[in-house]
Amino acid sequence: MKLRYLKNVATLRLSAEKCNGCGRCAEVCPHGVFSVNERKAKIEDKDCCMECGACAKNCPAQAITVNSGVGCAQAVIKGWLTGSEPSCDCSSSEGCC
């Protein structure tokens, strides 16, 4: 069973135009979010993305963007783990997360 996060909240983006099909994203992603077919990467299940940033950091074509460690999903998960109310501080002067 795959670990899934909240639906449609991951900041992961892939530019098919920039992708050179090297497959590094699929190699480094801990949750198997990517596949590579016909020399192009594809996001298989965006809701499995934990926004660690490994894919973007290892993409030589800079075809992937992700705001690592941010988002409401992180706030909810942190709340579950710590037993506190989820808060991503979107109302703070520093912005969200």
N, C-alpha and C. Protein backbone atom coordinates (compact mmCIF):
# COMPACT_ATOMS: atom_id res chain seq x y z
N MET A 1 0.84 -1.19 0.00
CA MET A 1 0.00 0.00 0.00
C MET A 1 0.88 1.24 0.00
N LYS A 2 0.58 2.18 -0.88
CA LYS A 2 1.34 3.43 -0.98
C LYS A 2 0.85 4.43 0.05
N LEU A 3 1.79 5.21 0.59
CA LEU A 3 1.44 6.30 1.49
C LEU A 3 0.93 7.45 0.64
N ARG A 4 -0.26 7.92 0.94
CA ARG A 4 -0.84 9.02 0.18
C ARG A 4 -1.11 10.17 1.13
N TYR A 5 -1.03 11.36 0.61
CA TYR A 5 -1.25 12.56 1.39
C TYR A 5 -2.60 13.15 1.02
N LEU A 6 -2.84 14.38 1.35
CA LEU A 6 -4.10 15.01 1.02
C LEU A 6 -4.22 15.19 -0.50
N LYS A 7 -5.41 15.04 -1.00
CA LYS A 7 -5.66 15.09 -2.44
C LYS A 7 -5.46 16.52 -2.98
N ASN A 8 -4.71 16.61 -4.05
CA ASN A 8 -4.51 17.85 -4.81
C ASN A 8 -3.88 19.00 -4.02
N VAL A 9 -2.95 18.72 -3.11
CA VAL A 9 -2.30 19.81 -2.39
C VAL A 9 -0.79 19.90 -2.67
N ALA A 10 -0.19 18.88 -3.26
CA ALA A 10 1.25 18.90 -3.52
C ALA A 10 1.60 20.00 -4.52
N THR A 11 2.72 20.65 -4.30
CA THR A 11 3.16 21.75 -5.17
C THR A 11 3.99 21.25 -6.35
N LEU A 12 4.10 19.96 -6.53
CA LEU A 12 4.91 19.35 -7.58
C LEU A 12 4.43 19.73 -8.97
N ARG A 13 5.38 20.16 -9.82
CA ARG A 13 5.09 20.49 -11.22
C ARG A 13 6.19 19.91 -12.09
N LEU A 14 5.82 19.40 -13.27
CA LEU A 14 6.76 18.84 -14.23
C LEU A 14 6.53 19.49 -15.58
N SER A 15 7.59 20.03 -16.17
CA SER A 15 7.51 20.61 -17.51
C SER A 15 7.95 19.55 -18.52
N ALA A 16 7.01 19.02 -19.25
CA ALA A 16 7.31 17.99 -20.26
C ALA A 16 8.23 18.55 -21.35
N GLU A 17 8.12 19.83 -21.62
CA GLU A 17 8.96 20.45 -22.65
C GLU A 17 10.43 20.45 -22.26
N LYS A 18 10.71 20.67 -20.98
CA LYS A 18 12.09 20.71 -20.51
C LYS A 18 12.68 19.33 -20.23
N CYS A 19 11.83 18.35 -19.97
CA CYS A 19 12.29 17.01 -19.57
C CYS A 19 13.12 16.37 -20.68
N ASN A 20 14.30 15.83 -20.29
CA ASN A 20 15.15 15.14 -21.26
C ASN A 20 15.08 13.62 -21.11
N GLY A 21 14.24 13.13 -20.21
CA GLY A 21 14.01 11.71 -20.06
C GLY A 21 15.12 10.94 -19.38
N CYS A 22 15.96 11.61 -18.61
CA CYS A 22 17.11 10.95 -17.97
C CYS A 22 16.70 9.94 -16.90
N GLY A 23 15.55 10.12 -16.28
CA GLY A 23 15.05 9.19 -15.29
C GLY A 23 15.53 9.41 -13.87
N ARG A 24 16.29 10.47 -13.62
CA ARG A 24 16.78 10.72 -12.26
C ARG A 24 15.62 10.91 -11.28
N CYS A 25 14.55 11.57 -11.71
CA CYS A 25 13.41 11.79 -10.82
C CYS A 25 12.84 10.46 -10.33
N ALA A 26 12.69 9.51 -11.23
CA ALA A 26 12.16 8.20 -10.86
C ALA A 26 13.13 7.45 -9.95
N GLU A 27 14.42 7.65 -10.15
CA GLU A 27 15.43 6.99 -9.32
C GLU A 27 15.44 7.50 -7.89
N VAL A 28 15.29 8.82 -7.70
CA VAL A 28 15.45 9.40 -6.37
C VAL A 28 14.16 9.58 -5.59
N CYS A 29 13.02 9.49 -6.24
CA CYS A 29 11.75 9.69 -5.54
C CYS A 29 11.47 8.52 -4.59
N PRO A 30 11.34 8.81 -3.29
CA PRO A 30 11.12 7.73 -2.32
C PRO A 30 9.73 7.10 -2.40
N HIS A 31 8.80 7.75 -3.08
CA HIS A 31 7.43 7.23 -3.13
C HIS A 31 6.97 6.83 -4.52
N GLY A 32 7.88 6.76 -5.48
CA GLY A 32 7.53 6.29 -6.82
C GLY A 32 6.52 7.15 -7.53
N VAL A 33 6.64 8.46 -7.36
CA VAL A 33 5.69 9.38 -7.99
C VAL A 33 5.87 9.43 -9.51
N PHE A 34 7.09 9.19 -9.98
CA PHE A 34 7.40 9.34 -11.41
C PHE A 34 7.59 8.01 -12.12
N SER A 35 7.31 8.03 -13.42
CA SER A 35 7.70 6.96 -14.33
C SER A 35 8.33 7.64 -15.54
N VAL A 36 9.09 6.89 -16.33
CA VAL A 36 9.69 7.44 -17.54
C VAL A 36 9.32 6.52 -18.69
N ASN A 37 8.68 7.08 -19.68
CA ASN A 37 8.28 6.34 -20.87
C ASN A 37 8.62 7.16 -22.10
N GLU A 38 9.20 6.50 -23.09
CA GLU A 38 9.55 7.16 -24.35
C GLU A 38 10.33 8.44 -24.13
N ARG A 39 11.33 8.36 -23.23
CA ARG A 39 12.26 9.46 -22.93
C ARG A 39 11.58 10.71 -22.37
N LYS A 40 10.48 10.53 -21.66
CA LYS A 40 9.81 11.63 -20.97
C LYS A 40 9.31 11.14 -19.62
N ALA A 41 9.53 11.96 -18.60
CA ALA A 41 9.02 11.64 -17.27
C ALA A 41 7.53 11.95 -17.21
N LYS A 42 6.86 11.24 -16.33
CA LYS A 42 5.43 11.45 -16.13
C LYS A 42 5.15 11.33 -14.64
N ILE A 43 4.29 12.20 -14.13
CA ILE A 43 3.84 12.10 -12.75
C ILE A 43 2.74 11.06 -12.71
N GLU A 44 3.00 9.96 -12.01
CA GLU A 44 2.03 8.86 -11.91
C GLU A 44 0.97 9.13 -10.86
N ASP A 45 1.37 9.62 -9.70
CA ASP A 45 0.42 9.86 -8.61
C ASP A 45 0.91 11.02 -7.76
N LYS A 46 0.47 12.21 -8.11
CA LYS A 46 0.91 13.43 -7.43
C LYS A 46 0.56 13.42 -5.94
N ASP A 47 -0.51 12.73 -5.57
CA ASP A 47 -0.93 12.70 -4.17
C ASP A 47 0.00 11.86 -3.29
N CYS A 48 0.95 11.15 -3.89
CA CYS A 48 1.95 10.41 -3.12
C CYS A 48 3.18 11.27 -2.84
N CYS A 49 3.25 12.44 -3.45
CA CYS A 49 4.40 13.33 -3.28
C CYS A 49 4.43 13.88 -1.86
N MET A 50 5.58 13.71 -1.19
CA MET A 50 5.72 14.26 0.16
C MET A 50 6.51 15.56 0.15
N GLU A 51 6.75 16.11 -1.04
CA GLU A 51 7.42 17.40 -1.23
C GLU A 51 8.82 17.44 -0.60
N CYS A 52 9.56 16.34 -0.74
CA CYS A 52 10.92 16.31 -0.18
C CYS A 52 11.90 17.12 -1.03
N GLY A 53 11.61 17.26 -2.33
CA GLY A 53 12.45 18.05 -3.21
C GLY A 53 13.58 17.29 -3.90
N ALA A 54 13.71 16.00 -3.63
CA ALA A 54 14.80 15.21 -4.23
C ALA A 54 14.73 15.23 -5.76
N CYS A 55 13.54 15.15 -6.30
CA CYS A 55 13.39 15.12 -7.76
C CYS A 55 13.89 16.42 -8.39
N ALA A 56 13.46 17.55 -7.85
CA ALA A 56 13.86 18.85 -8.40
C ALA A 56 15.36 19.09 -8.25
N LYS A 57 15.92 18.69 -7.11
CA LYS A 57 17.35 18.90 -6.88
C LYS A 57 18.21 18.05 -7.79
N ASN A 58 17.69 16.93 -8.25
CA ASN A 58 18.46 16.01 -9.09
C ASN A 58 18.12 16.08 -10.56
N CYS A 59 17.24 16.98 -10.96
CA CYS A 59 16.84 17.10 -12.36
C CYS A 59 17.81 18.01 -13.11
N PRO A 60 18.64 17.42 -14.00
CA PRO A 60 19.62 18.25 -14.71
C PRO A 60 18.99 19.22 -15.70
N ALA A 61 17.76 18.94 -16.13
CA ALA A 61 17.07 19.81 -17.09
C ALA A 61 16.23 20.88 -16.41
N GLN A 62 16.19 20.87 -15.09
CA GLN A 62 15.37 21.79 -14.31
C GLN A 62 13.91 21.78 -14.77
N ALA A 63 13.41 20.57 -15.03
CA ALA A 63 12.05 20.40 -15.51
C ALA A 63 11.04 20.23 -14.38
N ILE A 64 11.54 20.09 -13.15
CA ILE A 64 10.66 19.83 -12.00
C ILE A 64 10.77 20.95 -10.99
N THR A 65 9.62 21.38 -10.50
CA THR A 65 9.59 22.34 -9.40
C THR A 65 8.71 21.77 -8.30
N VAL A 66 9.12 22.01 -7.07
CA VAL A 66 8.33 21.62 -5.91
C VAL A 66 8.79 22.48 -4.74
N ASN A 67 7.86 22.97 -3.97
CA ASN A 67 8.20 23.74 -2.78
C ASN A 67 8.38 22.73 -1.65
N SER A 68 9.61 22.30 -1.44
CA SER A 68 9.84 21.22 -0.49
C SER A 68 9.54 21.66 0.94
N GLY A 69 8.84 20.77 1.64
CA GLY A 69 8.53 20.97 3.05
C GLY A 69 7.49 22.02 3.34
N VAL A 70 6.62 22.32 2.39
CA VAL A 70 5.59 23.33 2.62
C VAL A 70 4.22 22.74 2.38
N GLY A 71 3.22 23.52 2.66
CA GLY A 71 1.87 23.13 2.29
C GLY A 71 1.01 22.68 3.46
N CYS A 72 -0.26 22.68 3.21
CA CYS A 72 -1.22 22.29 4.23
C CYS A 72 -1.09 20.83 4.60
N ALA A 73 -0.66 19.99 3.66
CA ALA A 73 -0.48 18.57 3.97
C ALA A 73 0.57 18.40 5.06
N GLN A 74 1.65 19.15 4.96
CA GLN A 74 2.69 19.08 5.99
C GLN A 74 2.12 19.50 7.34
N ALA A 75 1.32 20.55 7.35
CA ALA A 75 0.75 21.04 8.61
C ALA A 75 -0.16 20.00 9.24
N VAL A 76 -0.99 19.35 8.43
CA VAL A 76 -1.89 18.33 8.95
C VAL A 76 -1.11 17.14 9.50
N ILE A 77 -0.11 16.68 8.75
CA ILE A 77 0.70 15.54 9.19
C ILE A 77 1.46 15.88 10.47
N LYS A 78 2.02 17.07 10.54
CA LYS A 78 2.73 17.49 11.76
C LYS A 78 1.76 17.52 12.94
N GLY A 79 0.56 17.99 12.71
CA GLY A 79 -0.46 18.01 13.77
C GLY A 79 -0.78 16.61 14.27
N TRP A 80 -0.92 15.66 13.34
CA TRP A 80 -1.18 14.27 13.73
C TRP A 80 -0.03 13.72 14.57
N LEU A 81 1.19 13.98 14.12
CA LEU A 81 2.36 13.43 14.81
C LEU A 81 2.59 14.04 16.19
N THR A 82 2.30 15.31 16.33
CA THR A 82 2.55 15.99 17.61
C THR A 82 1.32 16.08 18.49
N GLY A 83 0.16 15.70 17.95
CA GLY A 83 -1.08 15.78 18.73
C GLY A 83 -1.58 17.21 18.89
N SER A 84 -1.12 18.10 18.03
CA SER A 84 -1.54 19.50 18.10
C SER A 84 -2.47 19.83 16.94
N GLU A 85 -3.03 21.02 16.99
CA GLU A 85 -3.88 21.46 15.90
C GLU A 85 -3.03 21.76 14.67
N PRO A 86 -3.44 21.29 13.50
CA PRO A 86 -2.69 21.60 12.29
C PRO A 86 -2.68 23.10 12.02
N SER A 87 -1.50 23.62 11.74
CA SER A 87 -1.38 25.04 11.42
C SER A 87 -0.23 25.25 10.45
N CYS A 88 -0.54 25.89 9.34
CA CYS A 88 0.53 26.21 8.41
C CYS A 88 0.86 27.70 8.47
N ASP A 89 0.31 28.41 9.43
CA ASP A 89 0.60 29.82 9.66
C ASP A 89 0.36 30.71 8.44
N CYS A 90 -0.67 30.40 7.68
CA CYS A 90 -0.98 31.19 6.50
C CYS A 90 -1.34 32.64 6.84
N SER A 91 -1.71 32.87 8.07
CA SER A 91 -2.11 34.23 8.47
C SER A 91 -0.94 35.04 9.01
N SER A 92 0.23 34.43 9.12
CA SER A 92 1.37 35.16 9.68
C SER A 92 1.95 36.16 8.68
N SER A 93 2.74 37.09 9.15
CA SER A 93 3.34 38.10 8.26
C SER A 93 4.40 37.51 7.35
N GLU A 94 4.89 36.30 7.69
CA GLU A 94 5.91 35.65 6.88
C GLU A 94 5.31 34.84 5.74
N GLY A 95 4.00 34.75 5.66
CA GLY A 95 3.36 33.99 4.60
C GLY A 95 3.12 32.56 5.00
N CYS A 96 2.66 31.79 4.08
CA CYS A 96 2.29 30.41 4.37
C CYS A 96 3.52 29.52 4.45
N CYS A 97 3.54 28.73 5.49
CA CYS A 97 4.53 27.69 5.74
C CYS A 97 5.95 28.21 5.64
